[in-house]
């Protein structure tokens, strides 16, 4: 039995930008979620540990990892893709060893119990632009959307109705207009992670390259 990781639907049509690995760091920590970047180093034997909370795992690079369990379960090997999103509930004491090369995981520890109520709005991105905004995973604690915006394409006015975390899988250069008509240019690098609060915006991809990001909406 291997570590319980529930894969989301993979909707990555174009090759993702190659993202350089970075050191481990806590990126955000509030009463809703702890967001950390974990550096999994090749051939380094991990110490036995356990996680107390459900987590969202977003892999920035591909990798292969062997997991061992303190309770006697057989060891198992998992292979991950760049841009892959997994839901990981607590699974007891375990230790991992990377079998190929260094890679980063963006880990979100969910602190809120969640709700059975769906996330809805008059301008839900899944309804406003279903071709470019796809549901990746949903449960009582999160709704995860994968946005893939084509070169120079626009996303009409849409609303992120809850606090959310955006993980950039490619570089971004966007023109963003809020509901009052105020316009600004937003730029991020592949691998960046930002915290967002509820907002209604329209967007245009100013780049000649497709854009991809994962948005984790937090239910509370």
N, C-alpha and C. Protein backbone atom coordinates (compact mmCIF):
# COMPACT_ATOMS: atom_id res chain seq x y z
N UNK A 1 0.85 -1.20 0.00
CA UNK A 1 0.00 0.00 0.00
C UNK A 1 0.88 1.24 0.00
N UNK A 2 0.67 2.13 -0.91
CA UNK A 2 1.49 3.33 -0.97
C UNK A 2 0.78 4.51 -0.33
N UNK A 3 1.53 5.60 -0.17
CA UNK A 3 0.95 6.79 0.44
C UNK A 3 -0.27 7.21 -0.35
N UNK A 4 -1.32 7.61 0.37
CA UNK A 4 -2.60 7.89 -0.27
C UNK A 4 -2.56 9.27 -0.92
N UNK A 5 -2.45 9.29 -2.22
CA UNK A 5 -2.45 10.52 -2.99
C UNK A 5 -3.52 10.39 -4.05
N UNK A 6 -4.47 11.30 -4.04
CA UNK A 6 -5.56 11.23 -4.99
C UNK A 6 -5.30 12.20 -6.13
N UNK A 7 -5.01 11.70 -7.35
CA UNK A 7 -4.68 12.60 -8.45
C UNK A 7 -5.91 13.32 -8.96
N UNK A 8 -5.72 14.59 -9.30
CA UNK A 8 -6.77 15.33 -9.98
C UNK A 8 -6.68 15.04 -11.47
N UNK A 9 -7.70 15.47 -12.20
CA UNK A 9 -7.67 15.33 -13.65
C UNK A 9 -6.53 16.18 -14.20
N UNK A 10 -5.74 15.62 -15.09
CA UNK A 10 -4.62 16.34 -15.67
C UNK A 10 -5.05 16.92 -17.01
N UNK A 11 -5.02 18.24 -17.09
CA UNK A 11 -5.49 18.92 -18.29
C UNK A 11 -4.38 19.77 -18.90
N UNK A 12 -3.18 19.23 -18.89
CA UNK A 12 -2.02 19.98 -19.33
C UNK A 12 -1.72 19.65 -20.79
N UNK A 13 -2.26 20.46 -21.68
CA UNK A 13 -2.09 20.16 -23.09
C UNK A 13 -0.73 20.54 -23.62
N UNK A 14 -0.23 21.70 -23.21
CA UNK A 14 1.07 22.16 -23.72
C UNK A 14 2.14 21.87 -22.69
N UNK A 15 3.37 21.75 -23.17
CA UNK A 15 4.49 21.50 -22.26
C UNK A 15 4.66 22.70 -21.35
N UNK A 16 4.88 22.43 -20.05
CA UNK A 16 5.05 23.49 -19.09
C UNK A 16 6.46 24.06 -19.16
N UNK A 17 6.56 25.31 -18.71
CA UNK A 17 7.87 25.93 -18.59
C UNK A 17 8.73 25.13 -17.62
N UNK A 18 10.02 24.96 -17.92
CA UNK A 18 10.92 24.31 -17.00
C UNK A 18 11.18 25.24 -15.83
N UNK A 19 10.81 24.83 -14.63
CA UNK A 19 10.90 25.67 -13.44
C UNK A 19 12.13 25.23 -12.64
N UNK A 20 13.07 26.11 -12.36
CA UNK A 20 14.23 25.73 -11.55
C UNK A 20 13.81 25.42 -10.11
N UNK A 21 14.49 24.47 -9.47
CA UNK A 21 14.18 24.15 -8.08
C UNK A 21 14.69 25.26 -7.17
N UNK A 22 14.01 25.41 -6.03
CA UNK A 22 14.36 26.41 -5.04
C UNK A 22 14.36 25.78 -3.65
N UNK A 23 15.00 26.42 -2.66
CA UNK A 23 15.03 25.86 -1.31
C UNK A 23 13.64 25.79 -0.68
N UNK A 24 13.50 24.93 0.31
CA UNK A 24 12.25 24.84 1.07
C UNK A 24 11.99 26.17 1.78
N UNK A 25 10.71 26.55 1.87
CA UNK A 25 10.35 27.80 2.55
C UNK A 25 8.86 27.80 2.84
N UNK A 26 8.47 28.43 3.95
CA UNK A 26 7.06 28.70 4.22
C UNK A 26 6.70 29.98 3.49
N UNK A 27 5.69 29.92 2.63
CA UNK A 27 5.32 31.06 1.80
C UNK A 27 4.18 31.87 2.40
N UNK A 28 3.20 31.20 2.98
CA UNK A 28 2.07 31.85 3.65
C UNK A 28 1.65 30.97 4.81
N UNK A 29 1.20 31.60 5.88
CA UNK A 29 0.69 30.84 7.03
C UNK A 29 -0.34 31.71 7.73
N UNK A 30 -1.62 31.34 7.59
CA UNK A 30 -2.68 32.11 8.22
C UNK A 30 -3.69 31.15 8.85
N UNK A 31 -4.87 31.63 9.21
CA UNK A 31 -5.83 30.77 9.90
C UNK A 31 -6.58 29.83 8.96
N UNK A 32 -6.33 29.93 7.65
CA UNK A 32 -7.00 29.07 6.68
C UNK A 32 -6.08 28.00 6.11
N UNK A 33 -4.82 28.35 5.89
CA UNK A 33 -3.93 27.44 5.19
C UNK A 33 -2.47 27.79 5.49
N UNK A 34 -1.64 26.77 5.49
CA UNK A 34 -0.19 26.97 5.50
C UNK A 34 0.32 26.54 4.14
N UNK A 35 1.00 27.44 3.45
CA UNK A 35 1.52 27.16 2.11
C UNK A 35 3.04 27.11 2.20
N UNK A 36 3.62 26.00 1.78
CA UNK A 36 5.08 25.85 1.84
C UNK A 36 5.60 25.30 0.52
N UNK A 37 6.83 25.68 0.20
CA UNK A 37 7.55 25.06 -0.91
C UNK A 37 8.53 24.05 -0.33
N UNK A 38 8.36 22.79 -0.67
CA UNK A 38 9.24 21.73 -0.18
C UNK A 38 10.23 21.35 -1.27
N UNK A 39 11.51 21.30 -0.91
CA UNK A 39 12.53 20.81 -1.83
C UNK A 39 12.83 19.36 -1.48
N UNK A 40 12.51 18.47 -2.39
CA UNK A 40 12.79 17.05 -2.22
C UNK A 40 14.13 16.76 -2.93
N UNK A 41 15.16 16.44 -2.14
CA UNK A 41 16.50 16.30 -2.69
C UNK A 41 16.81 14.86 -3.09
N UNK A 42 17.44 14.71 -4.23
CA UNK A 42 17.75 13.39 -4.77
C UNK A 42 18.63 12.59 -3.83
N UNK A 43 18.25 11.33 -3.62
CA UNK A 43 19.02 10.35 -2.86
C UNK A 43 19.15 10.67 -1.37
N UNK A 44 18.50 11.72 -0.90
CA UNK A 44 18.53 12.04 0.53
C UNK A 44 17.45 11.23 1.25
N UNK A 45 17.86 10.45 2.25
CA UNK A 45 16.91 9.62 2.99
C UNK A 45 16.12 10.51 3.94
N UNK A 46 14.80 10.60 3.69
CA UNK A 46 13.95 11.40 4.55
C UNK A 46 13.75 10.76 5.91
N UNK A 47 13.51 11.61 6.93
CA UNK A 47 13.22 11.12 8.27
C UNK A 47 11.73 10.74 8.37
N UNK A 48 11.43 9.76 9.22
CA UNK A 48 10.04 9.39 9.43
C UNK A 48 9.29 10.57 10.05
N UNK A 49 8.11 10.84 9.52
CA UNK A 49 7.27 11.94 9.99
C UNK A 49 5.84 11.65 9.58
N UNK A 50 4.93 12.45 10.09
CA UNK A 50 3.53 12.31 9.68
C UNK A 50 2.90 13.68 9.57
N UNK A 51 1.83 13.75 8.78
CA UNK A 51 1.09 14.98 8.58
C UNK A 51 -0.26 14.87 9.27
N UNK A 52 -0.63 15.92 9.99
CA UNK A 52 -1.88 15.90 10.76
C UNK A 52 -3.07 16.41 9.96
N UNK A 53 -2.81 17.12 8.88
CA UNK A 53 -3.89 17.78 8.13
C UNK A 53 -3.94 17.27 6.70
N UNK A 54 -5.11 17.41 6.08
CA UNK A 54 -5.22 17.17 4.65
C UNK A 54 -4.38 18.21 3.91
N UNK A 55 -3.80 17.77 2.79
CA UNK A 55 -2.94 18.66 2.02
C UNK A 55 -3.28 18.61 0.53
N UNK A 56 -3.05 19.75 -0.13
CA UNK A 56 -3.00 19.82 -1.59
C UNK A 56 -1.53 19.84 -1.98
N UNK A 57 -1.15 19.00 -2.93
CA UNK A 57 0.24 18.89 -3.39
C UNK A 57 0.29 19.27 -4.87
N UNK A 58 1.12 20.25 -5.20
CA UNK A 58 1.28 20.68 -6.59
C UNK A 58 2.76 20.53 -6.95
N UNK A 59 3.06 19.68 -7.92
CA UNK A 59 4.44 19.34 -8.27
C UNK A 59 4.93 20.28 -9.37
N UNK A 60 6.04 20.99 -9.09
CA UNK A 60 6.56 21.95 -10.06
C UNK A 60 7.48 21.31 -11.09
N UNK A 61 8.06 20.17 -10.76
CA UNK A 61 8.89 19.41 -11.69
C UNK A 61 8.48 17.93 -11.59
N UNK A 62 8.82 17.13 -12.59
CA UNK A 62 8.55 15.69 -12.48
C UNK A 62 9.50 15.06 -11.48
N UNK A 63 9.12 13.91 -10.95
CA UNK A 63 9.99 13.23 -10.00
C UNK A 63 9.50 11.84 -9.67
N UNK A 64 10.38 11.08 -9.04
CA UNK A 64 10.05 9.72 -8.62
C UNK A 64 10.51 9.56 -7.18
N UNK A 65 9.64 9.01 -6.33
CA UNK A 65 9.93 8.94 -4.90
C UNK A 65 9.51 7.59 -4.33
N UNK A 66 10.37 7.05 -3.47
CA UNK A 66 10.07 5.79 -2.78
C UNK A 66 9.65 6.10 -1.35
N UNK A 67 8.50 5.53 -0.93
CA UNK A 67 7.97 5.77 0.41
C UNK A 67 8.07 4.50 1.25
N UNK A 68 8.51 4.69 2.48
CA UNK A 68 8.54 3.61 3.46
C UNK A 68 7.63 3.99 4.63
N UNK A 69 7.11 2.95 5.32
CA UNK A 69 6.11 3.17 6.36
C UNK A 69 6.54 2.51 7.66
N UNK A 70 6.31 3.22 8.75
CA UNK A 70 6.75 2.73 10.04
C UNK A 70 5.86 1.62 10.58
N UNK A 71 4.63 1.52 10.06
CA UNK A 71 3.70 0.52 10.58
C UNK A 71 3.82 -0.84 9.87
N UNK A 72 4.83 -1.00 9.01
CA UNK A 72 5.06 -2.29 8.38
C UNK A 72 4.47 -2.44 7.00
N UNK A 73 3.78 -1.43 6.51
CA UNK A 73 3.28 -1.50 5.14
C UNK A 73 4.46 -1.62 4.17
N UNK A 74 4.27 -2.32 3.06
CA UNK A 74 5.38 -2.43 2.10
C UNK A 74 5.73 -1.09 1.48
N UNK A 75 6.99 -0.89 1.18
CA UNK A 75 7.42 0.33 0.51
C UNK A 75 6.78 0.42 -0.88
N UNK A 76 6.62 1.65 -1.37
CA UNK A 76 6.01 1.86 -2.68
C UNK A 76 6.69 3.03 -3.37
N UNK A 77 6.69 3.00 -4.70
CA UNK A 77 7.30 4.04 -5.52
C UNK A 77 6.20 4.81 -6.25
N UNK A 78 6.26 6.13 -6.19
CA UNK A 78 5.30 6.99 -6.90
C UNK A 78 6.05 7.87 -7.89
N UNK A 79 5.45 8.06 -9.06
CA UNK A 79 6.02 8.91 -10.10
C UNK A 79 5.10 10.11 -10.30
N UNK A 80 5.67 11.31 -10.34
CA UNK A 80 4.89 12.53 -10.42
C UNK A 80 5.23 13.30 -11.69
N UNK A 81 4.24 13.99 -12.24
CA UNK A 81 4.43 14.80 -13.44
C UNK A 81 4.52 16.27 -13.06
N UNK A 82 5.22 17.04 -13.88
CA UNK A 82 5.26 18.48 -13.68
C UNK A 82 3.86 19.06 -13.84
N UNK A 83 3.43 19.85 -12.87
CA UNK A 83 2.11 20.45 -12.90
C UNK A 83 1.02 19.59 -12.32
N UNK A 84 1.37 18.40 -11.85
CA UNK A 84 0.37 17.49 -11.30
C UNK A 84 -0.15 17.99 -9.96
N UNK A 85 -1.45 17.78 -9.73
CA UNK A 85 -2.10 18.17 -8.48
C UNK A 85 -2.64 16.91 -7.81
N UNK A 86 -2.32 16.76 -6.51
CA UNK A 86 -2.78 15.61 -5.75
C UNK A 86 -3.41 16.08 -4.44
N UNK A 87 -4.40 15.32 -4.00
CA UNK A 87 -5.01 15.51 -2.68
C UNK A 87 -4.45 14.43 -1.77
N UNK A 88 -3.89 14.84 -0.63
CA UNK A 88 -3.18 13.91 0.24
C UNK A 88 -3.68 14.00 1.67
N UNK A 89 -4.54 13.07 2.11
CA UNK A 89 -4.93 13.02 3.52
C UNK A 89 -3.84 12.40 4.36
N UNK A 90 -3.89 12.55 5.69
CA UNK A 90 -2.87 11.94 6.56
C UNK A 90 -2.82 10.42 6.38
N UNK A 91 -1.59 9.88 6.39
CA UNK A 91 -1.43 8.44 6.15
C UNK A 91 -0.50 7.77 7.17
N UNK A 92 -0.21 8.44 8.28
CA UNK A 92 0.65 7.83 9.28
C UNK A 92 2.12 8.14 9.06
N UNK A 93 2.96 7.53 9.88
CA UNK A 93 4.41 7.78 9.81
C UNK A 93 5.00 7.20 8.53
N UNK A 94 5.76 8.03 7.82
CA UNK A 94 6.36 7.60 6.57
C UNK A 94 7.64 8.38 6.31
N UNK A 95 8.47 7.87 5.42
CA UNK A 95 9.70 8.55 4.99
C UNK A 95 9.86 8.35 3.50
N UNK A 96 10.31 9.40 2.81
CA UNK A 96 10.46 9.33 1.36
C UNK A 96 11.90 9.52 0.91
N UNK A 97 12.24 8.85 -0.19
CA UNK A 97 13.56 9.02 -0.81
C UNK A 97 13.35 9.32 -2.29
N UNK A 98 13.91 10.42 -2.76
CA UNK A 98 13.82 10.77 -4.18
C UNK A 98 14.77 9.89 -4.97
N UNK A 99 14.26 9.29 -6.04
CA UNK A 99 15.04 8.30 -6.79
C UNK A 99 15.70 8.86 -8.04
N UNK A 100 15.33 10.08 -8.47
CA UNK A 100 15.93 10.58 -9.70
C UNK A 100 16.66 11.92 -9.51
N UNK A 101 15.93 12.99 -9.31
CA UNK A 101 16.56 14.31 -9.24
C UNK A 101 15.76 15.19 -8.28
N UNK A 102 16.33 16.34 -7.91
CA UNK A 102 15.63 17.27 -7.02
C UNK A 102 14.33 17.75 -7.67
N UNK A 103 13.32 17.95 -6.84
CA UNK A 103 12.10 18.60 -7.32
C UNK A 103 11.42 19.33 -6.18
N UNK A 104 10.57 20.30 -6.56
CA UNK A 104 9.79 21.08 -5.59
C UNK A 104 8.33 20.66 -5.58
N UNK A 105 7.74 20.70 -4.41
CA UNK A 105 6.30 20.55 -4.24
C UNK A 105 5.77 21.79 -3.54
N UNK A 106 4.69 22.37 -4.04
CA UNK A 106 3.97 23.38 -3.30
C UNK A 106 2.90 22.64 -2.48
N UNK A 107 3.01 22.73 -1.16
CA UNK A 107 2.12 22.01 -0.26
C UNK A 107 1.21 22.99 0.48
N UNK A 108 -0.08 22.70 0.44
CA UNK A 108 -1.06 23.50 1.17
C UNK A 108 -1.67 22.64 2.27
N UNK A 109 -1.40 22.97 3.52
CA UNK A 109 -2.03 22.29 4.65
C UNK A 109 -3.34 23.01 4.97
N UNK A 110 -4.44 22.26 4.90
CA UNK A 110 -5.75 22.87 5.06
C UNK A 110 -6.13 22.94 6.54
N UNK A 111 -6.38 24.16 7.02
CA UNK A 111 -6.71 24.35 8.44
C UNK A 111 -8.21 24.47 8.69
N UNK A 112 -8.99 24.73 7.67
CA UNK A 112 -10.43 24.91 7.85
C UNK A 112 -11.16 23.58 7.66
N UNK A 113 -12.25 23.36 8.39
CA UNK A 113 -13.00 22.11 8.22
C UNK A 113 -13.74 22.03 6.91
N UNK A 114 -13.97 23.18 6.29
CA UNK A 114 -14.66 23.17 5.00
C UNK A 114 -16.16 23.18 5.14
N UNK A 115 -16.83 22.98 4.02
CA UNK A 115 -18.29 23.02 3.98
C UNK A 115 -18.77 22.20 2.79
N UNK A 116 -19.96 21.68 2.91
CA UNK A 116 -20.54 20.94 1.79
C UNK A 116 -21.14 21.88 0.73
N UNK A 117 -21.19 23.18 1.03
CA UNK A 117 -21.77 24.11 0.08
C UNK A 117 -20.80 24.34 -1.08
N UNK A 118 -21.31 24.30 -2.31
CA UNK A 118 -20.43 24.56 -3.46
C UNK A 118 -20.06 26.03 -3.54
N UNK A 119 -18.94 26.32 -4.19
CA UNK A 119 -18.55 27.70 -4.46
C UNK A 119 -19.32 28.17 -5.69
N UNK A 120 -20.05 29.24 -5.53
CA UNK A 120 -20.87 29.76 -6.64
C UNK A 120 -20.74 31.28 -6.70
N UNK A 121 -20.96 31.82 -7.88
CA UNK A 121 -21.03 33.26 -8.07
C UNK A 121 -21.71 33.52 -9.41
N UNK A 122 -22.11 34.77 -9.62
CA UNK A 122 -22.74 35.12 -10.89
C UNK A 122 -21.75 35.04 -12.05
N UNK A 123 -20.46 35.10 -11.72
CA UNK A 123 -19.43 35.07 -12.76
C UNK A 123 -18.40 33.99 -12.44
N UNK A 124 -18.88 32.80 -12.17
CA UNK A 124 -18.00 31.68 -11.88
C UNK A 124 -17.10 31.42 -13.09
N UNK A 125 -15.78 31.38 -12.91
CA UNK A 125 -14.89 31.17 -14.06
C UNK A 125 -15.16 29.87 -14.81
N UNK A 126 -15.66 28.85 -14.10
CA UNK A 126 -15.96 27.58 -14.77
C UNK A 126 -17.13 27.71 -15.74
N UNK A 127 -18.00 28.70 -15.49
CA UNK A 127 -19.15 28.93 -16.37
C UNK A 127 -18.87 30.04 -17.39
N UNK A 128 -18.10 31.04 -16.96
CA UNK A 128 -17.81 32.17 -17.85
C UNK A 128 -16.88 31.76 -18.99
N UNK A 129 -15.90 30.91 -18.66
CA UNK A 129 -14.92 30.50 -19.68
C UNK A 129 -14.56 29.03 -19.49
N UNK A 130 -15.52 28.13 -19.77
CA UNK A 130 -15.26 26.70 -19.54
C UNK A 130 -14.19 26.11 -20.44
N UNK A 131 -13.87 26.77 -21.56
CA UNK A 131 -12.83 26.25 -22.44
C UNK A 131 -11.43 26.44 -21.85
N UNK A 132 -11.25 27.49 -21.04
CA UNK A 132 -9.93 27.80 -20.52
C UNK A 132 -9.80 27.58 -19.01
N UNK A 133 -10.91 27.42 -18.31
CA UNK A 133 -10.91 27.21 -16.86
C UNK A 133 -11.62 25.89 -16.57
N UNK A 134 -10.87 24.91 -16.09
CA UNK A 134 -11.39 23.57 -15.89
C UNK A 134 -11.34 23.19 -14.41
N UNK A 135 -12.39 22.48 -13.96
CA UNK A 135 -12.39 21.96 -12.60
C UNK A 135 -11.38 20.82 -12.51
N UNK A 136 -10.45 20.96 -11.57
CA UNK A 136 -9.41 19.95 -11.37
C UNK A 136 -9.81 18.97 -10.27
N UNK A 137 -10.35 19.51 -9.17
CA UNK A 137 -10.68 18.69 -8.01
C UNK A 137 -11.57 19.51 -7.10
N UNK A 138 -12.53 18.85 -6.46
CA UNK A 138 -13.37 19.54 -5.48
C UNK A 138 -13.76 18.58 -4.36
N UNK A 139 -13.69 19.07 -3.13
CA UNK A 139 -14.14 18.33 -1.96
C UNK A 139 -14.62 19.34 -0.93
N UNK A 140 -14.99 18.94 0.28
CA UNK A 140 -15.52 19.92 1.24
C UNK A 140 -14.54 21.02 1.65
N UNK A 141 -13.23 20.86 1.42
CA UNK A 141 -12.27 21.87 1.86
C UNK A 141 -11.77 22.79 0.75
N UNK A 142 -11.74 22.30 -0.48
CA UNK A 142 -11.18 23.11 -1.58
C UNK A 142 -11.94 22.88 -2.87
N UNK A 143 -11.86 23.88 -3.74
CA UNK A 143 -12.16 23.69 -5.16
C UNK A 143 -10.91 24.13 -5.90
N UNK A 144 -10.42 23.28 -6.80
CA UNK A 144 -9.18 23.56 -7.52
C UNK A 144 -9.50 23.72 -9.01
N UNK A 145 -9.07 24.83 -9.56
CA UNK A 145 -9.30 25.15 -10.97
C UNK A 145 -7.95 25.24 -11.67
N UNK A 146 -7.86 24.62 -12.85
CA UNK A 146 -6.68 24.78 -13.70
C UNK A 146 -7.05 25.73 -14.83
N UNK A 147 -6.31 26.85 -14.89
CA UNK A 147 -6.54 27.84 -15.95
C UNK A 147 -5.45 27.69 -17.00
N UNK A 148 -5.85 27.53 -18.25
CA UNK A 148 -4.91 27.48 -19.39
C UNK A 148 -5.39 28.51 -20.40
N UNK A 149 -4.69 29.64 -20.44
CA UNK A 149 -5.10 30.77 -21.26
C UNK A 149 -4.20 30.82 -22.50
N UNK A 150 -4.83 30.82 -23.64
CA UNK A 150 -4.09 30.79 -24.90
C UNK A 150 -3.39 32.12 -25.16
N UNK A 151 -2.36 32.14 -26.03
CA UNK A 151 -1.66 33.39 -26.34
C UNK A 151 -2.63 34.49 -26.79
N UNK A 152 -2.51 35.65 -26.16
CA UNK A 152 -3.30 36.84 -26.49
C UNK A 152 -4.80 36.65 -26.26
N UNK A 153 -5.18 35.56 -25.60
CA UNK A 153 -6.60 35.32 -25.34
C UNK A 153 -7.06 36.10 -24.12
N UNK A 154 -8.37 36.27 -24.00
CA UNK A 154 -8.96 36.98 -22.87
C UNK A 154 -9.84 36.04 -22.07
N UNK A 155 -10.02 36.38 -20.80
CA UNK A 155 -11.00 35.72 -19.94
C UNK A 155 -12.00 36.80 -19.53
N UNK A 156 -13.27 36.65 -19.86
CA UNK A 156 -14.25 37.69 -19.51
C UNK A 156 -14.34 37.89 -18.00
N UNK A 157 -15.10 38.90 -17.60
CA UNK A 157 -15.28 39.18 -16.18
C UNK A 157 -15.66 37.91 -15.44
N UNK A 158 -14.87 37.59 -14.41
CA UNK A 158 -15.12 36.39 -13.62
C UNK A 158 -14.79 36.69 -12.16
N UNK A 159 -15.33 35.89 -11.27
CA UNK A 159 -15.20 36.13 -9.83
C UNK A 159 -14.58 34.95 -9.14
N UNK A 160 -13.51 35.22 -8.38
CA UNK A 160 -13.00 34.25 -7.41
C UNK A 160 -13.68 34.59 -6.10
N UNK A 161 -14.60 33.74 -5.66
CA UNK A 161 -15.54 34.10 -4.60
C UNK A 161 -14.99 33.86 -3.20
N UNK A 162 -13.83 33.21 -3.08
CA UNK A 162 -13.27 32.92 -1.77
C UNK A 162 -11.78 33.29 -1.76
N UNK A 163 -11.18 33.25 -0.58
CA UNK A 163 -9.73 33.34 -0.51
C UNK A 163 -9.14 32.18 -1.30
N UNK A 164 -7.98 32.41 -1.92
CA UNK A 164 -7.44 31.38 -2.80
C UNK A 164 -5.93 31.53 -2.94
N UNK A 165 -5.29 30.46 -3.39
CA UNK A 165 -3.86 30.42 -3.64
C UNK A 165 -3.65 30.15 -5.12
N UNK A 166 -2.81 30.96 -5.76
CA UNK A 166 -2.50 30.78 -7.18
C UNK A 166 -1.06 30.28 -7.31
N UNK A 167 -0.89 29.16 -8.01
CA UNK A 167 0.44 28.60 -8.27
C UNK A 167 0.69 28.73 -9.77
N UNK A 168 1.70 29.51 -10.14
CA UNK A 168 2.00 29.78 -11.54
C UNK A 168 2.88 28.67 -12.11
N UNK A 169 2.42 28.02 -13.15
CA UNK A 169 3.17 26.95 -13.80
C UNK A 169 3.92 27.44 -15.04
N UNK A 170 3.58 28.62 -15.51
CA UNK A 170 4.32 29.28 -16.59
C UNK A 170 4.47 30.75 -16.20
N UNK A 171 5.32 31.46 -16.94
CA UNK A 171 5.43 32.91 -16.74
C UNK A 171 4.10 33.57 -17.08
N UNK A 172 3.87 34.71 -16.43
CA UNK A 172 2.63 35.45 -16.68
C UNK A 172 2.94 36.89 -17.05
N UNK A 173 2.28 37.39 -18.07
CA UNK A 173 2.19 38.82 -18.35
C UNK A 173 0.77 39.10 -18.79
N UNK A 174 -0.03 39.63 -17.88
CA UNK A 174 -1.46 39.81 -18.10
C UNK A 174 -1.84 41.28 -17.96
N UNK A 175 -2.84 41.67 -18.72
CA UNK A 175 -3.58 42.90 -18.44
C UNK A 175 -4.80 42.50 -17.64
N UNK A 176 -4.97 43.10 -16.47
CA UNK A 176 -6.06 42.76 -15.57
C UNK A 176 -6.92 43.99 -15.33
N UNK A 177 -8.23 43.83 -15.51
CA UNK A 177 -9.17 44.92 -15.29
C UNK A 177 -10.15 44.51 -14.20
N UNK A 178 -10.31 45.35 -13.16
CA UNK A 178 -11.24 44.99 -12.09
C UNK A 178 -12.65 45.45 -12.44
N UNK A 179 -13.60 45.20 -11.53
CA UNK A 179 -15.01 45.48 -11.82
C UNK A 179 -15.31 46.96 -11.94
N UNK A 180 -14.39 47.83 -11.48
CA UNK A 180 -14.59 49.28 -11.61
C UNK A 180 -13.99 49.81 -12.90
N UNK A 181 -13.27 48.97 -13.65
CA UNK A 181 -12.63 49.40 -14.88
C UNK A 181 -11.16 49.75 -14.73
N UNK A 182 -10.63 49.70 -13.50
CA UNK A 182 -9.21 49.97 -13.28
C UNK A 182 -8.38 48.87 -13.91
N UNK A 183 -7.33 49.27 -14.68
CA UNK A 183 -6.51 48.30 -15.40
C UNK A 183 -5.07 48.36 -14.90
N UNK A 184 -4.44 47.18 -14.79
CA UNK A 184 -3.04 47.10 -14.43
C UNK A 184 -2.41 45.90 -15.14
N UNK A 185 -1.08 45.89 -15.18
CA UNK A 185 -0.35 44.76 -15.75
C UNK A 185 0.22 43.92 -14.62
N UNK A 186 -0.01 42.61 -14.69
CA UNK A 186 0.50 41.68 -13.68
C UNK A 186 1.52 40.77 -14.32
N UNK A 187 2.66 40.61 -13.66
CA UNK A 187 3.72 39.73 -14.15
C UNK A 187 4.21 38.83 -13.03
N UNK A 188 4.32 37.53 -13.32
CA UNK A 188 4.87 36.56 -12.39
C UNK A 188 5.73 35.57 -13.15
N UNK A 189 6.63 34.91 -12.43
CA UNK A 189 7.47 33.87 -12.99
C UNK A 189 6.90 32.50 -12.68
N UNK A 190 7.19 31.54 -13.55
CA UNK A 190 6.79 30.17 -13.29
C UNK A 190 7.39 29.72 -11.96
N UNK A 191 6.55 29.14 -11.11
CA UNK A 191 6.97 28.73 -9.78
C UNK A 191 6.54 29.69 -8.70
N UNK A 192 6.11 30.91 -9.06
CA UNK A 192 5.61 31.86 -8.07
C UNK A 192 4.31 31.35 -7.46
N UNK A 193 4.06 31.78 -6.23
CA UNK A 193 2.82 31.44 -5.52
C UNK A 193 2.30 32.72 -4.88
N UNK A 194 1.01 33.01 -5.07
CA UNK A 194 0.44 34.22 -4.47
C UNK A 194 -0.84 33.88 -3.73
N UNK A 195 -1.12 34.68 -2.71
CA UNK A 195 -2.36 34.59 -1.93
C UNK A 195 -3.34 35.61 -2.47
N UNK A 196 -4.59 35.19 -2.70
CA UNK A 196 -5.59 36.09 -3.22
C UNK A 196 -6.85 36.10 -2.38
N UNK A 197 -7.52 37.24 -2.35
CA UNK A 197 -8.81 37.38 -1.68
C UNK A 197 -9.91 37.51 -2.73
N UNK A 198 -11.18 37.42 -2.34
CA UNK A 198 -12.25 37.48 -3.33
C UNK A 198 -12.13 38.71 -4.24
N UNK A 199 -12.34 38.47 -5.54
CA UNK A 199 -12.15 39.54 -6.51
C UNK A 199 -12.92 39.21 -7.79
N UNK A 200 -13.36 40.27 -8.48
CA UNK A 200 -13.98 40.14 -9.80
C UNK A 200 -13.11 40.88 -10.81
N UNK A 201 -12.65 40.17 -11.85
CA UNK A 201 -11.71 40.74 -12.81
C UNK A 201 -11.95 40.16 -14.19
N UNK A 202 -11.45 40.84 -15.21
CA UNK A 202 -11.26 40.26 -16.54
C UNK A 202 -9.77 40.29 -16.82
N UNK A 203 -9.31 39.39 -17.71
CA UNK A 203 -7.87 39.25 -17.94
C UNK A 203 -7.58 39.05 -19.42
N UNK A 204 -6.40 39.52 -19.83
CA UNK A 204 -5.90 39.26 -21.18
C UNK A 204 -4.46 38.80 -21.09
N UNK A 205 -4.14 37.70 -21.77
CA UNK A 205 -2.78 37.20 -21.85
C UNK A 205 -2.02 38.04 -22.88
N UNK A 206 -1.06 38.83 -22.41
CA UNK A 206 -0.28 39.70 -23.31
C UNK A 206 0.88 38.96 -23.97
N UNK A 207 1.09 37.71 -23.58
CA UNK A 207 2.23 36.94 -24.09
C UNK A 207 1.87 36.17 -25.35
N UNK A 208 2.89 35.85 -26.13
CA UNK A 208 2.72 34.99 -27.31
C UNK A 208 2.78 33.52 -26.93
N UNK A 209 2.89 33.22 -25.62
CA UNK A 209 2.95 31.86 -25.13
C UNK A 209 1.70 31.54 -24.31
N UNK A 210 1.27 30.27 -24.32
CA UNK A 210 0.13 29.90 -23.46
C UNK A 210 0.50 30.05 -22.00
N UNK A 211 -0.49 30.33 -21.18
CA UNK A 211 -0.31 30.52 -19.74
C UNK A 211 -1.03 29.41 -19.00
N UNK A 212 -0.44 28.97 -17.89
CA UNK A 212 -1.08 27.93 -17.08
C UNK A 212 -0.86 28.19 -15.61
N UNK A 213 -1.91 28.03 -14.82
CA UNK A 213 -1.83 28.18 -13.37
C UNK A 213 -2.86 27.28 -12.72
N UNK A 214 -2.60 26.96 -11.46
CA UNK A 214 -3.55 26.21 -10.63
C UNK A 214 -4.05 27.14 -9.54
N UNK A 215 -5.36 27.24 -9.40
CA UNK A 215 -5.96 28.10 -8.39
C UNK A 215 -6.68 27.23 -7.39
N UNK A 216 -6.26 27.31 -6.12
CA UNK A 216 -6.86 26.53 -5.04
C UNK A 216 -7.78 27.46 -4.26
N UNK A 217 -9.09 27.27 -4.41
CA UNK A 217 -10.07 28.06 -3.69
C UNK A 217 -10.37 27.37 -2.35
N UNK A 218 -10.37 28.14 -1.28
CA UNK A 218 -10.51 27.58 0.07
C UNK A 218 -11.95 27.71 0.55
N UNK A 219 -12.53 26.61 0.92
CA UNK A 219 -13.88 26.62 1.45
C UNK A 219 -13.83 26.76 2.97
N UNK A 220 -14.74 27.55 3.53
CA UNK A 220 -14.76 27.74 4.98
C UNK A 220 -16.15 28.11 5.43
